[in-house]
Amino acid sequence: MKSVRTHIFCYDDYRAYSDEVRKSLADTPRCQVMSFLTTEELLSRIEKDKGRQYCKIAIIGLHENREHIEMVEWLTAEIKKRDHTTGLILLGPPEKIDEIKKAIRFNIVAYIPKNANYLLRVSNTVKKFVSEHSIEILRRRRNYSLYLFMLVLLLSLLSVIVIRFILK
């Protein structure tokens, strides 16, 4: 199996964390980290990379104010509407992480507080999501092979039965 290419989209309107994430994930050659300053750029890139051939993860940073949380709630719904296979990771202030979990409940892979070890948590979450994506690909291939095997087995059984009646 060839290695899965991972696209990581960072929505970082203040460039607070995207460079750090890029540096921490730079050692993996299968990872491509892209940062975006506007939601339009992010959504158009997700629309462009739509499909199953890539593992896609969007990392979104949150701020203190309530308006930004509402905008991120809209953004997560819009990302899932455009490509439902994209995983979402939310970075937020440690004291607001419970409020963020209550406000944005659906379709989130991980809520990570932005503290001293957030890069390690982001890296581990990305690896977990990539592994799940690879397992899903292997599951689809296994099912396809199993269906094909059953079809060949059924056709060979039918041909044996037909030949048996013809030779009698």
Protein backbone atom coordinates (compact mmCIF):
# COMPACT_ATOMS: atom_id res chain seq x y z
CA MET A 1 0.00 0.00 0.00
CA LYS A 2 1.37 3.37 -0.91
CA SER A 3 1.58 5.98 1.81
CA VAL A 4 -1.38 8.25 2.36
CA ARG A 5 -0.81 11.90 1.52
CA THR A 6 -2.04 14.20 4.27
CA HIS A 7 -3.17 17.78 3.72
CA ILE A 8 -3.37 19.91 6.83
CA PHE A 9 -5.25 23.19 6.48
CA CYS A 10 -4.57 25.76 9.20
CA TYR A 11 -7.03 28.62 9.52
CA ASP A 12 -5.02 31.16 11.45
CA ASP A 13 -6.13 34.74 10.99
CA TYR A 14 -3.41 36.10 13.30
CA ARG A 15 -0.61 33.67 12.29
CA ALA A 16 -0.37 32.63 15.92
CA TYR A 17 0.24 28.91 15.54
CA SER A 18 0.46 27.84 11.88
CA ASP A 19 4.24 28.27 11.62
CA GLU A 20 4.76 26.23 14.77
CA VAL A 21 2.49 23.46 13.45
CA ARG A 22 4.34 23.50 10.12
CA LYS A 23 7.69 23.14 11.90
CA SER A 24 6.48 20.34 14.17
CA LEU A 25 5.01 18.34 11.27
CA ALA A 26 7.79 19.11 8.79
CA ASP A 27 9.63 15.87 9.56
CA THR A 28 6.90 13.81 7.95
CA PRO A 29 7.31 13.89 4.15
CA ARG A 30 3.72 12.75 3.59
CA CYS A 31 2.35 15.88 5.28
CA GLN A 32 1.63 19.13 3.50
CA VAL A 33 0.73 22.00 5.84
CA MET A 34 -1.04 25.01 4.32
CA SER A 35 -2.10 28.09 6.24
CA PHE A 36 -4.93 30.43 5.32
CA LEU A 37 -5.82 33.89 6.56
CA THR A 38 -9.37 34.03 5.22
CA THR A 39 -12.25 31.58 5.32
CA GLU A 40 -12.84 31.95 1.57
CA GLU A 41 -9.33 30.71 0.77
CA LEU A 42 -9.72 27.80 3.17
CA LEU A 43 -13.10 26.74 1.83
CA SER A 44 -12.02 26.99 -1.80
CA ARG A 45 -8.94 24.85 -1.11
CA ILE A 46 -11.03 22.22 0.69
CA GLU A 47 -13.43 22.21 -2.26
CA LYS A 48 -10.48 21.78 -4.63
CA ASP A 49 -8.99 18.83 -2.69
CA LYS A 50 -12.31 17.04 -2.39
CA GLY A 51 -12.04 13.28 -2.70
CA ARG A 52 -10.81 10.21 -0.90
CA GLN A 53 -7.24 10.15 -2.17
CA TYR A 54 -6.05 12.57 0.53
CA CYS A 55 -6.39 12.56 4.27
CA LYS A 56 -7.55 16.09 5.08
CA ILE A 57 -7.40 17.80 8.45
CA ALA A 58 -8.40 21.38 9.22
CA ILE A 59 -6.88 23.03 12.29
CA ILE A 60 -8.81 26.08 13.43
CA GLY A 61 -7.63 28.47 16.12
CA LEU A 62 -10.15 30.15 18.39
CA HIS A 63 -9.92 33.42 20.27
CA GLU A 64 -11.50 34.78 23.41
CA ASN A 65 -14.54 36.58 22.01
CA ARG A 66 -17.99 35.04 21.43
CA GLU A 67 -18.34 36.38 17.86
CA HIS A 68 -15.28 34.43 16.78
CA ILE A 69 -16.69 31.23 18.30
CA GLU A 70 -19.92 31.73 16.34
CA MET A 71 -17.93 32.30 13.14
CA VAL A 72 -15.93 29.11 13.76
CA GLU A 73 -19.17 27.22 14.36
CA TRP A 74 -20.38 28.38 10.94
CA LEU A 75 -16.98 27.52 9.42
CA THR A 76 -16.99 23.95 10.77
CA ALA A 77 -20.48 23.37 9.38
CA GLU A 78 -19.42 24.81 6.02
CA ILE A 79 -16.29 22.62 5.89
CA LYS A 80 -18.31 19.49 6.63
CA LYS A 81 -20.89 20.51 4.03
CA ARG A 82 -18.23 20.84 1.34
CA ASP A 83 -16.22 17.74 2.28
CA HIS A 84 -17.49 15.49 5.04
CA THR A 85 -14.25 13.47 5.21
CA THR A 86 -12.21 16.40 6.51
CA GLY A 87 -11.24 16.08 10.16
CA LEU A 88 -11.49 19.18 12.34
CA ILE A 89 -9.19 20.10 15.21
CA LEU A 90 -9.99 23.17 17.31
CA LEU A 91 -7.29 25.04 19.23
CA GLY A 92 -8.50 27.33 21.95
CA PRO A 93 -7.49 29.08 25.15
CA PRO A 94 -7.34 26.59 28.05
CA GLU A 95 -9.85 28.49 30.18
CA LYS A 96 -12.42 28.63 27.34
CA ILE A 97 -12.15 25.03 26.12
CA ASP A 98 -15.29 23.87 28.00
CA GLU A 99 -17.31 26.75 26.56
CA ILE A 100 -16.01 25.87 23.08
CA LYS A 101 -17.01 22.22 23.54
CA LYS A 102 -20.53 23.29 24.51
CA ALA A 103 -20.86 25.77 21.63
CA ILE A 104 -19.38 23.62 18.85
CA ARG A 105 -20.42 20.02 19.47
CA PHE A 106 -20.57 18.19 16.19
CA ASN A 107 -17.99 16.83 13.74
CA ILE A 108 -14.90 17.75 15.75
CA VAL A 109 -12.01 15.27 16.01
CA ALA A 110 -10.30 17.00 18.95
CA TYR A 111 -10.51 20.07 21.15
CA ILE A 112 -6.97 21.03 22.13
CA PRO A 113 -6.16 23.75 24.67
CA LYS A 114 -3.35 26.00 23.49
CA ASN A 115 -0.79 25.51 26.23
CA ALA A 116 2.83 24.37 26.39
CA ASN A 117 2.24 20.90 24.94
CA TYR A 118 -0.38 21.65 22.29
CA LEU A 119 2.02 20.84 19.42
CA LEU A 120 2.49 17.33 20.74
CA ARG A 121 -1.27 16.88 21.06
CA VAL A 122 -1.84 18.19 17.54
CA SER A 123 0.81 15.83 16.19
CA ASN A 124 -0.69 12.83 18.00
CA THR A 125 -4.22 13.71 16.86
CA VAL A 126 -3.04 14.06 13.25
CA LYS A 127 -1.32 10.67 13.43
CA LYS A 128 -4.45 9.09 14.90
CA PHE A 129 -6.68 10.57 12.19
CA VAL A 130 -4.27 9.46 9.43
CA SER A 131 -4.25 5.94 10.87
CA GLU A 132 -8.05 5.85 10.92
CA HIS A 133 -8.12 7.08 7.33
CA SER A 134 -5.67 4.35 6.26
CA ILE A 135 -7.72 1.71 8.06
CA GLU A 136 -10.84 2.91 6.24
CA ILE A 137 -9.06 2.62 2.88
CA LEU A 138 -7.90 -0.90 3.73
CA ARG A 139 -11.41 -1.84 4.86
CA ARG A 140 -12.89 -0.70 1.55
CA ARG A 141 -10.24 -2.67 -0.38
CA ARG A 142 -10.85 -5.75 1.73
CA ASN A 143 -14.60 -5.58 1.17
CA TYR A 144 -14.14 -5.12 -2.57
CA SER A 145 -11.80 -8.13 -2.71
CA LEU A 146 -14.21 -10.19 -0.66
CA TYR A 147 -17.14 -9.34 -2.97
CA LEU A 148 -15.04 -10.18 -6.00
CA PHE A 149 -13.98 -13.50 -4.45
CA MET A 150 -17.59 -14.39 -3.64
CA LEU A 151 -18.64 -13.57 -7.20
CA VAL A 152 -15.91 -15.79 -8.67
CA LEU A 153 -16.80 -18.58 -6.24
CA LEU A 154 -20.49 -18.32 -7.16
CA LEU A 155 -19.73 -18.33 -10.90
CA SER A 156 -17.47 -21.35 -10.58
CA LEU A 157 -20.11 -23.20 -8.54
CA LEU A 158 -22.75 -22.40 -11.14
CA SER A 159 -20.48 -23.56 -13.95
CA VAL A 160 -19.81 -26.86 -12.10
CA ILE A 161 -23.54 -27.42 -11.69
CA VAL A 162 -24.26 -26.62 -15.36
CA ILE A 163 -21.45 -28.91 -16.55
CA ARG A 164 -22.75 -31.67 -14.27
CA PHE A 165 -26.21 -31.49 -15.89
CA ILE A 166 -24.78 -31.33 -19.40
CA LEU A 167 -22.56 -34.38 -18.95
CA LYS A 168 -25.31 -36.59 -17.49
